[in-house]
């Protein structure tokens, strides 16, 4: 629905461009912004522009940072011989919340998807290959999708001739799930990834 108010329609359209935001949510967001005090609206707009101007890719791992190197790459306590390859900066955050992984990361910023026109050259694969000096293991932590699997296989073919151990995350049944509702692929992966207890 158009309100015949050009600036409002434009604001709704801009919010609709955000992945996962439909028209109704975009309208709610637009009206929320319109009802903000002018100072808060200015801070909101400035924070968007500031983030856009200040945040860039880490020179080593391609994660998001305001500095030359991200806090993980700058941390000398991290194990520099192990690199966990992920698709998205949000994946780094997910792993960091576990407090279990002590190595470093490499963010691809996507996955190989010929249907979407995304090939290896659109990802940060060259940057990954340029930082492998001294690396002993690369963990493929791409998503368990067709694109994620294709990306992991592509990378493993590049890395194996270099003598670098290449591993893949284990997949299985989520904690708290009921087996009868798990799909065949998940159960098969869970069986393959079983370990001693």
Foldseek 3Di string as FASTA:
>chain_A
DDPPPVVLVVQLVVQCVPPPQHSVNSNVVSVVLVPDDPVVNVVVVVVVVVCVVQWFAALQQGAIDSDNHDPLVVDPQAAAQEEEEEAHNVVVVVVVVVVPHRHYYHYFVHFDDVVVPDHSVSTCLVSVVVSNVNHAEYEQEYDPDPRSVVRLVVVCVVCVVVNHHYHYDQAADDPPDDPVPDDPVRHVSNVVPDDDD
